[in-house]
Amino acid sequence: MNKLKAMLCAVFTLLLVGSAQADTDNFAGPYIGLSASVVGVAAHGDAVTGSTIENSTNGANILDSATVGRVGAVTGAEAGYAIPLGSRFLIDIGASILTGEAKIQAEGDNDGSEDVHFIIGDIFTYYISPQIVLSDTSSIYVKAGLSEADTTVDGDISSPGKLSGTTWGLGLRTVLDNGVFIRTEAGFTEYNGVAVHGLGNSIAAQNTYSAQPNAAYGMVSMGMRF
C-alpha cells in the first residue's frame, strides 16, 4: 500500500510540473453529484473458540484464519466545495456516502440458535483532494479521506463499534460549460481491525472473532457545479 501511495504522489507531482496553463473558473465552487461504484473487499479474519467442556484434557483454544473476497456494485452521493489556489490549482473539500449494507454470517449450532450476523451499514467518507487543471474542461486529482461506517450485530454477540479507515484515490474530472461534470476515480481504503465476542452463558460466549478488511474501488459520478 505504501508503494501505491508513493506512485499516486509521483504522478500528481509530474502533472503539476508539466501541465499547461489553464483557468480554474470552470471547476471552482460548490457541487453535488451521484455515483456508481464497483467495490472489491478482501478481509482476513481470525476466530478463536474457547472450550470449557467437562473432561476436556487441554482446555482447547482453536484458532481458525481465513481470507475472503467479494465484489459488488453500490450507489452513492457526494457534495463538496472546490477552492481555487491560483490559475491551475484547487483544493477540493467534500463528503460522500455509499448506500447499502454488507452482511457477514457466522454459523453456530445446527438449529441456528447461535448464528451471528455482523452488518456494515452506509459508508461515509470525508475527503480533501488537491486538483490540477489540465485544460478548460478537465482536471486530475488525488484524494485523501477518512471513511467510517456504523456496524450492528444480530445475535448473542458484543457490539464492534464503528468501522473506520483511510481512503486514497486518483481521478479525472471533466466539466461542461453548463456546469455538469463527470468524475472517474479509482482508489482503495485501509480499514482498522474489528473484534467481537460472544455473550451469555453458553460455550459460544467464549468465542472471539476479529477481521481486517480492505477495499479497492472504481467509481463514476455525475453532478452539477454551481
C-alpha atoms as a PDB file:
ATOM      1  CA  MET A   1       0.000   0.000   0.000  1.00  0.00           C
ATOM      2  CA  ASN A   2       2.851   2.417   0.782  1.00  0.00           C
ATOM      3  CA  LYS A   3       4.294   1.916  -2.724  1.00  0.00           C
ATOM      4  CA  LEU A   4       0.899   2.678  -4.258  1.00  0.00           C
ATOM      5  CA  LYS A   5       0.593   5.877  -2.222  1.00  0.00           C
ATOM      6  CA  ALA A   6       4.067   6.932  -3.400  1.00  0.00           C
ATOM      7  CA  MET A   7       3.083   6.276  -7.025  1.00  0.00           C
ATOM      8  CA  LEU A   8      -0.047   8.429  -6.672  1.00  0.00           C
ATOM      9  CA  CYS A   9       2.018  11.307  -5.264  1.00  0.00           C
ATOM     10  CA  ALA A  10       4.653  10.942  -8.000  1.00  0.00           C
ATOM     11  CA  VAL A  11       2.054  11.039 -10.799  1.00  0.00           C
ATOM     12  CA  PHE A  12       0.423  14.102  -9.289  1.00  0.00           C
ATOM     13  CA  THR A  13       3.770  15.904  -8.920  1.00  0.00           C
ATOM     14  CA  LEU A  14       4.740  15.247 -12.557  1.00  0.00           C
ATOM     15  CA  LEU A  15       1.428  16.614 -13.763  1.00  0.00           C
ATOM     16  CA  LEU A  16       1.812  19.694 -11.581  1.00  0.00           C
ATOM     17  CA  VAL A  17       5.181  20.449 -13.163  1.00  0.00           C
ATOM     18  CA  GLY A  18       4.226  19.693 -16.756  1.00  0.00           C
ATOM     19  CA  SER A  19       0.596  20.739 -17.159  1.00  0.00           C
ATOM     20  CA  ALA A  20      -0.330  23.611 -19.436  1.00  0.00           C
ATOM     21  CA  GLN A  21      -1.611  26.911 -18.116  1.00  0.00           C
ATOM     22  CA  ALA A  22      -5.394  26.792 -17.681  1.00  0.00           C
ATOM     23  CA  ASP A  23      -8.211  28.512 -15.800  1.00  0.00           C
ATOM     24  CA  THR A  24      -9.841  27.204 -12.608  1.00  0.00           C
ATOM     25  CA  ASP A  25     -13.141  29.085 -13.146  1.00  0.00           C
ATOM     26  CA  ASN A  26     -14.918  26.024 -14.578  1.00  0.00           C
ATOM     27  CA  PHE A  27     -14.030  23.916 -11.522  1.00  0.00           C
ATOM     28  CA  ALA A  28     -14.317  26.244  -8.512  1.00  0.00           C
ATOM     29  CA  GLY A  29     -17.330  26.450  -6.238  1.00  0.00           C
ATOM     30  CA  PRO A  30     -19.874  24.111  -4.630  1.00  0.00           C
ATOM     31  CA  TYR A  31     -21.089  20.912  -6.293  1.00  0.00           C
ATOM     32  CA  ILE A  32     -23.283  17.858  -5.754  1.00  0.00           C
ATOM     33  CA  GLY A  33     -23.242  14.518  -7.539  1.00  0.00           C
ATOM     34  CA  LEU A  34     -24.470  10.932  -7.748  1.00  0.00           C
ATOM     35  CA  SER A  35     -22.111   7.981  -8.148  1.00  0.00           C
ATOM     36  CA  ALA A  36     -21.986   4.325  -9.139  1.00  0.00           C
ATOM     37  CA  SER A  37     -19.086   2.198  -7.893  1.00  0.00           C
ATOM     38  CA  VAL A  38     -17.709  -1.295  -8.185  1.00  0.00           C
ATOM     39  CA  VAL A  39     -16.112  -2.286  -4.880  1.00  0.00           C
ATOM     40  CA  GLY A  40     -13.907  -5.275  -4.157  1.00  0.00           C
ATOM     41  CA  VAL A  41     -13.449  -6.180  -0.491  1.00  0.00           C
ATOM     42  CA  ALA A  42     -10.886  -8.552   0.978  1.00  0.00           C
ATOM     43  CA  ALA A  43     -10.990  -9.404   4.679  1.00  0.00           C
ATOM     44  CA  HIS A  44      -8.628 -11.553   6.709  1.00  0.00           C
ATOM     45  CA  GLY A  45     -10.380 -12.949   9.752  1.00  0.00           C
ATOM     46  CA  ASP A  46      -9.496 -14.989  12.818  1.00  0.00           C
ATOM     47  CA  ALA A  47     -11.836 -16.984  15.081  1.00  0.00           C
ATOM     48  CA  VAL A  48     -10.784 -18.279  18.484  1.00  0.00           C
ATOM     49  CA  THR A  49     -13.016 -20.855  20.173  1.00  0.00           C
ATOM     50  CA  GLY A  50     -12.519 -21.358  23.898  1.00  0.00           C
ATOM     51  CA  SER A  51     -13.799 -24.642  25.343  1.00  0.00           C
ATOM     52  CA  THR A  52     -14.635 -25.420  28.973  1.00  0.00           C
ATOM     53  CA  ILE A  53     -16.363 -28.744  28.329  1.00  0.00           C
ATOM     54  CA  GLU A  54     -16.031 -31.071  31.294  1.00  0.00           C
ATOM     55  CA  ASN A  55     -13.490 -33.864  30.937  1.00  0.00           C
ATOM     56  CA  SER A  56     -11.545 -31.872  28.373  1.00  0.00           C
ATOM     57  CA  THR A  57      -7.888 -32.642  28.958  1.00  0.00           C
ATOM     58  CA  ASN A  58      -6.381 -29.474  27.492  1.00  0.00           C
ATOM     59  CA  GLY A  59      -8.979 -26.663  27.729  1.00  0.00           C
ATOM     60  CA  ALA A  60      -8.580 -26.182  23.988  1.00  0.00           C
ATOM     61  CA  ASN A  61      -8.354 -22.876  22.166  1.00  0.00           C
ATOM     62  CA  ILE A  62      -8.995 -23.446  18.460  1.00  0.00           C
ATOM     63  CA  LEU A  63      -7.815 -20.708  16.080  1.00  0.00           C
ATOM     64  CA  ASP A  64      -9.149 -20.540  12.522  1.00  0.00           C
ATOM     65  CA  SER A  65      -7.895 -17.985   9.983  1.00  0.00           C
ATOM     66  CA  ALA A  66      -9.288 -17.218   6.552  1.00  0.00           C
ATOM     67  CA  THR A  67      -9.113 -14.573   3.832  1.00  0.00           C
ATOM     68  CA  VAL A  68     -12.305 -13.900   1.871  1.00  0.00           C
ATOM     69  CA  GLY A  69     -13.055 -11.609  -1.081  1.00  0.00           C
ATOM     70  CA  ARG A  70     -16.184 -10.191  -2.639  1.00  0.00           C
ATOM     71  CA  VAL A  71     -17.015  -7.745  -5.464  1.00  0.00           C
ATOM     72  CA  GLY A  72     -20.241  -5.749  -5.643  1.00  0.00           C
ATOM     73  CA  ALA A  73     -21.853  -2.650  -7.179  1.00  0.00           C
ATOM     74  CA  VAL A  74     -23.122   0.209  -4.984  1.00  0.00           C
ATOM     75  CA  THR A  75     -24.579   3.666  -5.491  1.00  0.00           C
ATOM     76  CA  GLY A  76     -23.877   6.858  -3.613  1.00  0.00           C
ATOM     77  CA  ALA A  77     -23.872  10.646  -3.462  1.00  0.00           C
ATOM     78  CA  GLU A  78     -21.327  13.398  -2.848  1.00  0.00           C
ATOM     79  CA  ALA A  79     -21.156  17.110  -2.080  1.00  0.00           C
ATOM     80  CA  GLY A  80     -18.236  19.479  -1.743  1.00  0.00           C
ATOM     81  CA  TYR A  81     -16.575  22.789  -2.473  1.00  0.00           C
ATOM     82  CA  ALA A  82     -13.562  23.367  -4.732  1.00  0.00           C
ATOM     83  CA  ILE A  83     -11.410  26.314  -3.632  1.00  0.00           C
ATOM     84  CA  PRO A  84      -9.134  27.864  -6.306  1.00  0.00           C
ATOM     85  CA  LEU A  85      -5.497  28.494  -5.324  1.00  0.00           C
ATOM     86  CA  GLY A  86      -4.030  30.156  -8.412  1.00  0.00           C
ATOM     87  CA  SER A  87      -4.695  29.711 -12.101  1.00  0.00           C
ATOM     88  CA  ARG A  88      -4.493  25.889 -12.271  1.00  0.00           C
ATOM     89  CA  PHE A  89      -4.611  24.522  -8.748  1.00  0.00           C
ATOM     90  CA  LEU A  90      -7.585  23.860  -6.433  1.00  0.00           C
ATOM     91  CA  ILE A  91      -8.294  22.216  -3.102  1.00  0.00           C
ATOM     92  CA  ASP A  92     -11.500  20.195  -3.101  1.00  0.00           C
ATOM     93  CA  ILE A  93     -13.110  19.545   0.310  1.00  0.00           C
ATOM     94  CA  GLY A  94     -16.147  17.282   0.445  1.00  0.00           C
ATOM     95  CA  ALA A  95     -18.028  14.267   1.722  1.00  0.00           C
ATOM     96  CA  SER A  96     -19.584  11.207   0.097  1.00  0.00           C
ATOM     97  CA  ILE A  97     -21.787   8.290   1.070  1.00  0.00           C
ATOM     98  CA  LEU A  98     -22.048   4.765  -0.339  1.00  0.00           C
ATOM     99  CA  THR A  99     -25.501   3.353   0.385  1.00  0.00           C
ATOM    100  CA  GLY A 100     -26.478  -0.177   1.289  1.00  0.00           C
ATOM    101  CA  GLU A 101     -25.175  -2.755   3.723  1.00  0.00           C
ATOM    102  CA  ALA A 102     -22.899  -5.784   3.806  1.00  0.00           C
ATOM    103  CA  LYS A 103     -23.657  -8.812   5.987  1.00  0.00           C
ATOM    104  CA  ILE A 104     -21.237 -11.414   7.316  1.00  0.00           C
ATOM    105  CA  GLN A 105     -22.711 -14.554   8.864  1.00  0.00           C
ATOM    106  CA  ALA A 106     -21.012 -16.820  11.376  1.00  0.00           C
ATOM    107  CA  GLU A 107     -22.881 -20.096  11.747  1.00  0.00           C
ATOM    108  CA  GLY A 108     -23.238 -21.706  15.132  1.00  0.00           C
ATOM    109  CA  ASP A 109     -25.076 -24.887  16.088  1.00  0.00           C
ATOM    110  CA  ASN A 110     -27.294 -26.866  13.755  1.00  0.00           C
ATOM    111  CA  ASP A 111     -30.593 -25.323  14.926  1.00  0.00           C
ATOM    112  CA  GLY A 112     -29.359 -21.793  14.178  1.00  0.00           C
ATOM    113  CA  SER A 113     -29.671 -20.509  17.756  1.00  0.00           C
ATOM    114  CA  GLU A 114     -26.025 -19.407  17.839  1.00  0.00           C
ATOM    115  CA  ASP A 115     -25.833 -17.895  14.336  1.00  0.00           C
ATOM    116  CA  VAL A 116     -24.339 -14.383  14.291  1.00  0.00           C
ATOM    117  CA  HIS A 117     -24.845 -11.666  11.664  1.00  0.00           C
ATOM    118  CA  PHE A 118     -22.309  -8.822  11.509  1.00  0.00           C
ATOM    119  CA  ILE A 119     -23.741  -5.923   9.450  1.00  0.00           C
ATOM    120  CA  ILE A 120     -21.856  -2.955   7.960  1.00  0.00           C
ATOM    121  CA  GLY A 121     -24.145  -0.044   7.039  1.00  0.00           C
ATOM    122  CA  ASP A 122     -23.736   3.051   4.865  1.00  0.00           C
ATOM    123  CA  ILE A 123     -20.119   4.198   4.473  1.00  0.00           C
ATOM    124  CA  PHE A 124     -19.324   7.908   4.844  1.00  0.00           C
ATOM    125  CA  THR A 125     -16.066   9.421   3.553  1.00  0.00           C
ATOM    126  CA  TYR A 126     -14.792  12.918   4.374  1.00  0.00           C
ATOM    127  CA  TYR A 127     -12.032  13.950   1.997  1.00  0.00           C
ATOM    128  CA  ILE A 128      -9.601  16.599   0.849  1.00  0.00           C
ATOM    129  CA  SER A 129      -8.497  16.496  -2.776  1.00  0.00           C
ATOM    130  CA  PRO A 130      -5.728  18.614  -4.402  1.00  0.00           C
ATOM    131  CA  GLN A 131      -6.673  19.179  -8.044  1.00  0.00           C
ATOM    132  CA  ILE A 132      -4.653  20.300 -11.092  1.00  0.00           C
ATOM    133  CA  VAL A 133      -6.413  21.868 -14.072  1.00  0.00           C
ATOM    134  CA  LEU A 134      -5.186  20.312 -17.328  1.00  0.00           C
ATOM    135  CA  SER A 135      -7.427  22.309 -19.677  1.00  0.00           C
ATOM    136  CA  ASP A 136     -10.569  24.443 -19.520  1.00  0.00           C
ATOM    137  CA  THR A 137     -12.677  21.269 -19.271  1.00  0.00           C
ATOM    138  CA  SER A 138     -10.549  18.647 -17.485  1.00  0.00           C
ATOM    139  CA  SER A 139      -8.564  18.245 -14.285  1.00  0.00           C
ATOM    140  CA  ILE A 140      -6.802  15.481 -12.398  1.00  0.00           C
ATOM    141  CA  TYR A 141      -6.731  14.989  -8.649  1.00  0.00           C
ATOM    142  CA  VAL A 142      -5.577  12.842  -5.767  1.00  0.00           C
ATOM    143  CA  LYS A 143      -7.817  12.182  -2.796  1.00  0.00           C
ATOM    144  CA  ALA A 144      -7.110  11.506   0.873  1.00  0.00           C
ATOM    145  CA  GLY A 145     -10.019  10.829   3.182  1.00  0.00           C
ATOM    146  CA  LEU A 146     -11.375   9.305   6.358  1.00  0.00           C
ATOM    147  CA  SER A 147     -14.038   6.627   5.880  1.00  0.00           C
ATOM    148  CA  GLU A 148     -16.313   5.291   8.594  1.00  0.00           C
ATOM    149  CA  ALA A 149     -19.419   3.136   8.871  1.00  0.00           C
ATOM    150  CA  ASP A 150     -21.842   2.158  11.598  1.00  0.00           C
ATOM    151  CA  THR A 151     -21.847  -1.522  12.440  1.00  0.00           C
ATOM    152  CA  THR A 152     -24.551  -3.611  14.073  1.00  0.00           C
ATOM    153  CA  VAL A 153     -24.890  -7.252  15.051  1.00  0.00           C
ATOM    154  CA  ASP A 154     -27.736  -9.737  15.030  1.00  0.00           C
ATOM    155  CA  GLY A 155     -27.076 -12.462  17.556  1.00  0.00           C
ATOM    156  CA  ASP A 156     -25.720 -13.090  21.038  1.00  0.00           C
ATOM    157  CA  ILE A 157     -22.518 -11.164  20.406  1.00  0.00           C
ATOM    158  CA  SER A 158     -20.880  -7.915  21.526  1.00  0.00           C
ATOM    159  CA  SER A 159     -21.078  -4.666  19.523  1.00  0.00           C
ATOM    160  CA  PRO A 160     -17.939  -3.987  17.435  1.00  0.00           C
ATOM    161  CA  GLY A 161     -18.304  -0.177  17.351  1.00  0.00           C
ATOM    162  CA  LYS A 162     -17.594   1.930  14.274  1.00  0.00           C
ATOM    163  CA  LEU A 163     -15.543   0.690  11.345  1.00  0.00           C
ATOM    164  CA  SER A 164     -13.078   3.351  10.168  1.00  0.00           C
ATOM    165  CA  GLY A 165     -10.183   3.633   7.742  1.00  0.00           C
ATOM    166  CA  THR A 166      -8.124   5.809   5.410  1.00  0.00           C
ATOM    167  CA  THR A 167      -9.061   6.256   1.747  1.00  0.00           C
ATOM    168  CA  TRP A 168      -6.674   7.135  -1.109  1.00  0.00           C
ATOM    169  CA  GLY A 169      -7.731   7.806  -4.689  1.00  0.00           C
ATOM    170  CA  LEU A 170      -6.712   9.161  -8.094  1.00  0.00           C
ATOM    171  CA  GLY A 171      -9.248  10.570 -10.548  1.00  0.00           C
ATOM    172  CA  LEU A 172     -10.106  12.650 -13.596  1.00  0.00           C
ATOM    173  CA  ARG A 173     -12.839  15.306 -13.664  1.00  0.00           C
ATOM    174  CA  THR A 174     -14.455  16.705 -16.816  1.00  0.00           C
ATOM    175  CA  VAL A 175     -16.673  19.806 -16.605  1.00  0.00           C
ATOM    176  CA  LEU A 176     -19.023  21.045 -19.326  1.00  0.00           C
ATOM    177  CA  ASP A 177     -19.881  24.692 -19.982  1.00  0.00           C
ATOM    178  CA  ASN A 178     -23.260  24.316 -18.283  1.00  0.00           C
ATOM    179  CA  GLY A 179     -21.662  23.156 -15.009  1.00  0.00           C
ATOM    180  CA  VAL A 180     -22.369  19.446 -15.406  1.00  0.00           C
ATOM    181  CA  PHE A 181     -19.331  17.318 -14.520  1.00  0.00           C
ATOM    182  CA  ILE A 182     -18.292  13.688 -14.865  1.00  0.00           C
ATOM    183  CA  ARG A 183     -15.757  12.210 -12.468  1.00  0.00           C
ATOM    184  CA  THR A 184     -13.929   8.871 -12.849  1.00  0.00           C
ATOM    185  CA  GLU A 185     -11.905   7.624  -9.902  1.00  0.00           C
ATOM    186  CA  ALA A 186     -10.032   4.583  -8.624  1.00  0.00           C
ATOM    187  CA  GLY A 187      -8.711   4.033  -5.132  1.00  0.00           C
ATOM    188  CA  PHE A 188      -8.561   1.901  -2.013  1.00  0.00           C
ATOM    189  CA  THR A 189      -9.450   2.028   1.680  1.00  0.00           C
ATOM    190  CA  GLU A 190      -7.445   0.531   4.530  1.00  0.00           C
ATOM    191  CA  TYR A 191      -9.817  -0.199   7.430  1.00  0.00           C
ATOM    192  CA  ASN A 192      -8.963  -0.732  11.061  1.00  0.00           C
ATOM    193  CA  GLY A 193      -9.471  -4.128  12.577  1.00  0.00           C
ATOM    194  CA  VAL A 194     -12.715  -5.062  14.334  1.00  0.00           C
ATOM    195  CA  ALA A 195     -13.285  -7.644  17.028  1.00  0.00           C
ATOM    196  CA  VAL A 196     -16.331  -9.110  18.786  1.00  0.00           C
ATOM    197  CA  HIS A 197     -17.011 -11.854  21.327  1.00  0.00           C
ATOM    198  CA  GLY A 198     -19.939 -13.986  22.343  1.00  0.00           C
ATOM    199  CA  LEU A 199     -22.315 -13.091  25.186  1.00  0.00           C
ATOM    200  CA  GLY A 200     -24.457 -15.105  27.561  1.00  0.00           C
ATOM    201  CA  ASN A 201     -23.669 -18.274  29.461  1.00  0.00           C
ATOM    202  CA  SER A 202     -23.231 -20.746  26.621  1.00  0.00           C
ATOM    203  CA  ILE A 203     -19.958 -22.163  25.357  1.00  0.00           C
ATOM    204  CA  ALA A 204     -20.271 -19.755  22.409  1.00  0.00           C
ATOM    205  CA  ALA A 205     -19.797 -16.865  24.862  1.00  0.00           C
ATOM    206  CA  GLN A 206     -16.103 -17.757  24.952  1.00  0.00           C
ATOM    207  CA  ASN A 207     -15.704 -17.342  21.178  1.00  0.00           C
ATOM    208  CA  THR A 208     -13.945 -14.264  19.801  1.00  0.00           C
ATOM    209  CA  TYR A 209     -13.857 -13.069  16.184  1.00  0.00           C
ATOM    210  CA  SER A 210     -11.620 -10.468  14.533  1.00  0.00           C
ATOM    211  CA  ALA A 211     -11.260  -9.188  10.961  1.00  0.00           C
ATOM    212  CA  GLN A 212      -9.027  -6.834   8.967  1.00  0.00           C
ATOM    213  CA  PRO A 213     -10.978  -5.632   5.874  1.00  0.00           C
ATOM    214  CA  ASN A 214      -9.573  -3.633   2.944  1.00  0.00           C
ATOM    215  CA  ALA A 215     -11.400  -2.390  -0.148  1.00  0.00           C
ATOM    216  CA  ALA A 216     -10.484  -1.306  -3.689  1.00  0.00           C
ATOM    217  CA  TYR A 217     -12.979   0.592  -5.829  1.00  0.00           C
ATOM    218  CA  GLY A 218     -13.667   2.123  -9.215  1.00  0.00           C
ATOM    219  CA  MET A 219     -16.207   4.956  -9.357  1.00  0.00           C
ATOM    220  CA  VAL A 220     -18.042   7.018 -11.955  1.00  0.00           C
ATOM    221  CA  SER A 221     -20.048  10.030 -10.772  1.00  0.00           C
ATOM    222  CA  MET A 222     -22.072  12.751 -12.445  1.00  0.00           C
ATOM    223  CA  GLY A 223     -23.125  16.013 -10.871  1.00  0.00           C
ATOM    224  CA  MET A 224     -23.576  19.767 -11.090  1.00  0.00           C
ATOM    225  CA  ARG A 225     -21.249  22.621 -10.168  1.00  0.00           C
ATOM    226  CA  PHE A 226     -22.999  25.802  -9.028  1.00  0.00           C
END
